[in-house]
Protein backbone atom coordinates (compact mmCIF):
# COMPACT_ATOMS: atom_id res chain seq x y z
CA MET A 1 -5.50 15.37 -18.56
CA VAL A 2 -5.61 11.84 -20.02
CA PRO A 3 -3.01 9.57 -18.36
CA ALA A 4 -0.15 8.50 -20.55
CA PHE A 5 0.23 4.82 -21.38
CA ALA A 6 -3.54 4.32 -21.08
CA ASP A 7 -3.49 1.67 -23.83
CA GLY A 8 -1.02 -0.32 -21.74
CA ASP A 9 -2.78 0.08 -18.38
CA ALA A 10 -3.13 -3.66 -17.87
CA ALA A 11 0.56 -4.32 -18.53
CA ILE A 12 1.72 -1.44 -16.34
CA GLY A 13 -0.54 -2.37 -13.42
CA VAL A 14 0.14 -6.10 -13.54
CA GLY A 15 3.86 -5.66 -14.13
CA LEU A 16 4.39 -3.27 -11.24
CA ALA A 17 2.28 -5.37 -8.86
CA PHE A 18 4.38 -8.42 -9.75
CA VAL A 19 7.56 -6.43 -9.13
CA ALA A 20 6.39 -5.23 -5.71
CA GLY A 21 5.30 -8.69 -4.59
CA PHE A 22 8.56 -10.22 -5.79
CA VAL A 23 10.82 -7.64 -4.13
CA ASP A 24 8.86 -7.53 -0.87
CA ALA A 25 8.97 -11.31 -0.44
CA ALA A 26 12.58 -11.73 -1.54
CA ALA A 27 13.80 -8.89 0.67
CA PHE A 28 11.77 -10.07 3.66
CA ILE A 29 13.43 -13.48 3.48
CA ALA A 30 16.95 -12.34 2.58
CA LEU A 31 17.03 -9.45 5.05
CA THR A 32 15.50 -11.22 8.05
CA GLY A 33 12.09 -9.62 8.04
CA LEU A 34 12.49 -6.23 6.39
CA PHE A 35 9.51 -4.96 4.42
CA THR A 36 10.56 -2.90 1.41
CA ALA A 37 7.25 -2.22 -0.38
CA HIS A 38 4.89 -2.29 2.62
CA VAL A 39 7.34 -0.18 4.57
CA THR A 40 5.00 0.80 7.40
CA GLY A 41 4.65 -2.88 8.23
CA ASN A 42 8.11 -2.56 9.75
CA PHE A 43 6.55 -0.70 12.70
CA VAL A 44 4.72 -3.87 13.72
CA LEU A 45 7.93 -5.87 13.41
CA ILE A 46 9.85 -3.29 15.45
CA GLY A 47 7.35 -3.71 18.27
CA ALA A 48 7.60 -7.49 18.06
CA GLU A 49 11.39 -7.41 18.10
CA LEU A 50 11.59 -4.99 21.02
CA VAL A 51 9.86 -7.54 23.24
CA SER A 52 11.96 -10.44 21.97
CA THR A 53 15.63 -11.25 21.62
CA SER A 54 15.78 -10.89 17.83
CA THR A 55 17.74 -8.25 15.92
CA GLY A 56 17.02 -6.02 12.96
CA VAL A 57 15.41 -3.05 14.69
CA LEU A 58 17.90 -0.49 13.35
CA ALA A 59 17.33 -1.49 9.72
CA LYS A 60 13.58 -1.20 10.17
CA LEU A 61 13.92 2.21 11.82
CA LEU A 62 16.04 3.46 8.91
CA ALA A 63 13.60 2.11 6.32
CA LEU A 64 11.06 4.90 6.79
CA PRO A 65 13.41 7.90 6.28
CA THR A 66 14.98 6.09 3.33
CA PHE A 67 11.54 5.51 1.85
CA ILE A 68 10.56 9.15 2.42
CA LEU A 69 13.73 10.36 0.70
CA ALA A 70 13.11 8.07 -2.29
CA VAL A 71 9.54 9.34 -2.68
CA ALA A 72 10.72 12.96 -2.41
CA VAL A 73 13.38 12.42 -5.09
CA THR A 74 10.78 10.73 -7.29
CA ARG A 75 8.51 13.74 -6.89
CA LEU A 76 11.28 16.19 -7.78
CA ILE A 77 12.20 14.22 -10.90
CA ALA A 78 8.55 14.00 -11.96
CA LEU A 79 8.09 17.74 -11.52
CA ALA A 80 11.22 18.51 -13.55
CA LEU A 81 10.08 16.26 -16.39
CA GLU A 82 6.53 17.61 -16.37
CA ARG A 83 7.84 21.17 -16.64
CA ARG A 84 9.54 20.07 -19.85
CA GLY A 85 6.33 18.52 -21.14
CA ALA A 86 7.67 14.97 -20.81
CA SER A 87 5.93 11.99 -19.22
CA PRO A 88 7.85 10.92 -16.10
CA LEU A 89 6.84 7.27 -16.25
CA ARG A 90 9.65 5.84 -18.38
CA PRO A 91 12.47 7.74 -16.64
CA LEU A 92 11.13 6.69 -13.25
CA LEU A 93 10.86 3.07 -14.36
CA VAL A 94 14.51 3.26 -15.44
CA LEU A 95 15.44 4.71 -12.05
CA GLU A 96 13.60 1.95 -10.22
CA ALA A 97 15.18 -0.72 -12.41
CA ALA A 98 18.63 0.75 -11.70
CA ALA A 99 17.93 0.66 -7.96
CA LEU A 100 16.86 -2.98 -8.17
CA ILE A 101 19.93 -3.91 -10.21
CA ALA A 102 22.09 -2.22 -7.58
CA PHE A 103 20.16 -4.08 -4.88
CA ALA A 104 20.83 -7.40 -6.61
CA ILE A 105 24.51 -6.77 -7.38
CA VAL A 106 25.47 -5.27 -4.03
CA GLY A 107 23.50 -7.90 -2.13
CA ALA A 108 25.13 -10.75 -4.05
CA SER A 109 28.59 -9.19 -3.71
CA LEU A 110 28.35 -8.65 0.05
CA SER A 111 26.66 -11.92 0.97
CA PRO A 112 26.66 -13.34 3.57
CA LEU A 113 25.41 -10.13 5.14
CA GLY A 114 25.83 -11.13 8.77
CA SER A 115 23.80 -9.33 11.42
CA PRO A 116 20.54 -7.71 10.24
CA ASP A 117 21.70 -4.53 12.00
CA GLY A 118 25.17 -4.64 10.46
CA ALA A 119 26.36 -2.07 7.95
CA LYS A 120 26.23 -4.52 5.03
CA ALA A 121 22.68 -5.67 5.67
CA ILE A 122 21.43 -2.14 6.27
CA GLY A 123 23.10 -0.77 3.14
CA VAL A 124 21.66 -3.53 0.96
CA GLY A 125 18.24 -3.28 2.56
CA MET A 126 18.00 0.45 2.00
CA LEU A 127 18.60 -0.06 -1.73
CA GLY A 128 15.53 -2.28 -1.82
CA VAL A 129 13.52 0.22 0.22
CA ALA A 130 14.58 3.04 -2.12
CA ALA A 131 13.46 1.05 -5.17
CA MET A 132 10.04 0.47 -3.65
CA GLY A 133 9.85 4.10 -2.56
CA ILE A 134 10.26 5.04 -6.21
CA GLN A 135 7.49 2.63 -7.20
CA ASN A 136 5.16 3.99 -4.53
CA GLY A 137 5.88 7.46 -5.89
CA ILE A 138 5.08 6.30 -9.41
CA GLY A 139 1.79 4.90 -8.16
CA ARG A 140 0.71 8.21 -6.66
CA LEU A 141 2.18 10.61 -9.20
CA VAL A 142 1.86 8.93 -12.59
CA ILE A 143 -0.55 6.00 -12.51
CA GLY A 144 -2.96 7.05 -9.79
CA HIS A 145 -5.86 6.00 -12.03
CA LEU A 146 -4.75 2.36 -11.70
CA ALA A 147 -5.06 0.01 -8.74
CA ALA A 148 -2.36 0.21 -6.09
CA THR A 149 0.66 -1.91 -6.97
CA THR A 150 2.58 -2.10 -3.68
CA VAL A 151 0.04 -2.69 -0.90
CA MET A 152 -2.91 -4.96 -1.60
CA THR A 153 -5.16 -4.18 1.39
CA VAL A 154 -6.93 -1.32 -0.39
CA ASN A 155 -7.31 -3.40 -3.55
CA VAL A 156 -8.83 -6.35 -1.72
CA THR A 157 -11.20 -4.03 0.15
CA GLN A 158 -12.39 -2.37 -3.06
CA ALA A 159 -12.77 -5.69 -4.86
CA VAL A 160 -14.89 -7.10 -2.02
CA ILE A 161 -17.09 -3.98 -2.07
CA ASP A 162 -17.63 -4.25 -5.83
CA LEU A 163 -18.27 -8.00 -5.70
CA THR A 164 -20.70 -7.59 -2.81
CA ASP A 165 -22.58 -4.91 -4.73
CA HIS A 166 -22.77 -7.20 -7.74
CA ALA A 167 -23.97 -10.13 -5.60
CA CYS A 168 -26.71 -7.90 -4.16
CA GLY A 169 -28.01 -7.22 -7.64
CA LYS A 170 -26.44 -3.84 -8.18
CA THR A 171 -25.37 -3.35 -11.77
CA LEU A 172 -21.72 -2.45 -12.04
CA GLY A 173 -21.20 0.38 -14.47
CA ALA A 174 -18.28 0.49 -16.87
CA PRO A 175 -16.01 2.42 -14.44
CA ALA A 176 -16.70 -0.04 -11.60
CA ALA A 177 -16.19 -3.05 -13.86
CA THR A 178 -12.88 -1.65 -15.07
CA ARG A 179 -11.83 -0.93 -11.49
CA LEU A 180 -12.69 -4.48 -10.45
CA ARG A 181 -10.61 -5.96 -13.26
CA ARG A 182 -7.68 -3.75 -12.29
CA THR A 183 -7.84 -4.53 -8.59
CA LEU A 184 -8.20 -8.27 -9.05
CA SER A 185 -5.40 -8.44 -11.61
CA ALA A 186 -3.12 -6.41 -9.32
CA VAL A 187 -3.81 -8.69 -6.35
CA LEU A 188 -3.17 -11.80 -8.44
CA ALA A 189 0.03 -10.38 -9.92
CA PHE A 190 1.30 -9.35 -6.47
CA ALA A 191 0.60 -12.86 -5.12
CA VAL A 192 2.39 -14.50 -8.06
CA GLY A 193 5.29 -12.10 -7.60
CA ALA A 194 5.52 -12.88 -3.89
CA LEU A 195 5.66 -16.61 -4.58
CA ALA A 196 8.25 -16.11 -7.30
CA GLY A 197 10.33 -13.89 -5.03
CA ALA A 198 10.25 -16.40 -2.18
CA PHE A 199 11.32 -19.31 -4.37
CA GLY A 200 13.74 -17.10 -6.29
CA VAL A 201 15.65 -15.90 -3.26
CA ALA A 202 15.79 -19.46 -1.91
CA ALA A 203 17.37 -20.65 -5.16
CA LEU A 204 19.43 -17.68 -6.33
CA SER A 205 19.78 -15.37 -3.32
CA PHE A 206 19.98 -11.68 -4.30
CA ALA A 207 20.61 -12.47 -7.97
CA CYS A 208 16.90 -13.27 -8.31
CA VAL A 209 16.10 -9.54 -7.97
CA LEU A 210 17.30 -9.14 -11.55
CA VAL A 211 13.98 -10.71 -12.58
CA PRO A 212 11.80 -7.76 -11.48
CA ALA A 213 14.40 -5.39 -12.92
CA VAL A 214 13.94 -7.09 -16.29
CA VAL A 215 10.16 -6.77 -15.92
CA LEU A 216 10.56 -3.02 -15.39
CA ILE A 217 12.75 -2.76 -18.47
CA GLY A 218 10.06 -4.62 -20.41
CA LEU A 219 7.48 -2.06 -19.29
CA LEU A 220 9.51 0.64 -21.03
CA PHE A 221 8.26 -0.78 -24.32
CA VAL A 222 4.57 -0.47 -23.48
CA PRO A 223 3.22 1.82 -26.22
CA ASP A 224 2.02 5.32 -25.45
CA ARG A 225 -1.62 6.21 -25.85
CA GLU A 226 -2.42 7.44 -29.30
CA PRO A 227 -2.99 11.19 -29.24
CA SER A 228 -6.59 12.33 -29.59
CA PRO A 229 -7.46 13.85 -33.01
């Protein structure tokens, strides 16, 4: 089956990587060290906080079940749409955008959030985690042929392998060259998003999260692949 939106692969991959970098950085700063996209990174932070006097352990513990629930819901929605013969990408992008808008509005309305383990901070944080859970689900279910958009470790590893092969004189075929372009563009977009998120949250607090929501809305207008004759 040919993936939908193939003509807009570059826009989809770059846009989603920017969104993930932006949200992860903004949430990490605003929520005192909570990862929303790289959710398993919270395990490292939990260990660090358990041997220190800092707070925020409860929010990080709740992030994983929230993330799991968001991915499961994403899967159920995708299955329902596929049974109807519809591409799940646009509806899931709308759902993620709605979650980010809620994250921005609720976060701005409840600020200052107080303790990282308080009800306000946890509630706001879980909205961000849910949004990134949806995006991780999209990455696995709908755009698995593209580079990862939420965690860059795999992308950097693959890019280094391809570049090393090229430096050793190995000719990169068309699939490898395409993969390299996708991985490098995703890493760059994620980095730009992270910088934008860090400066955005410093200047605008939670309101800055409307920026990645707008990016997601823009991705709704990426044209579908032309059907094969």
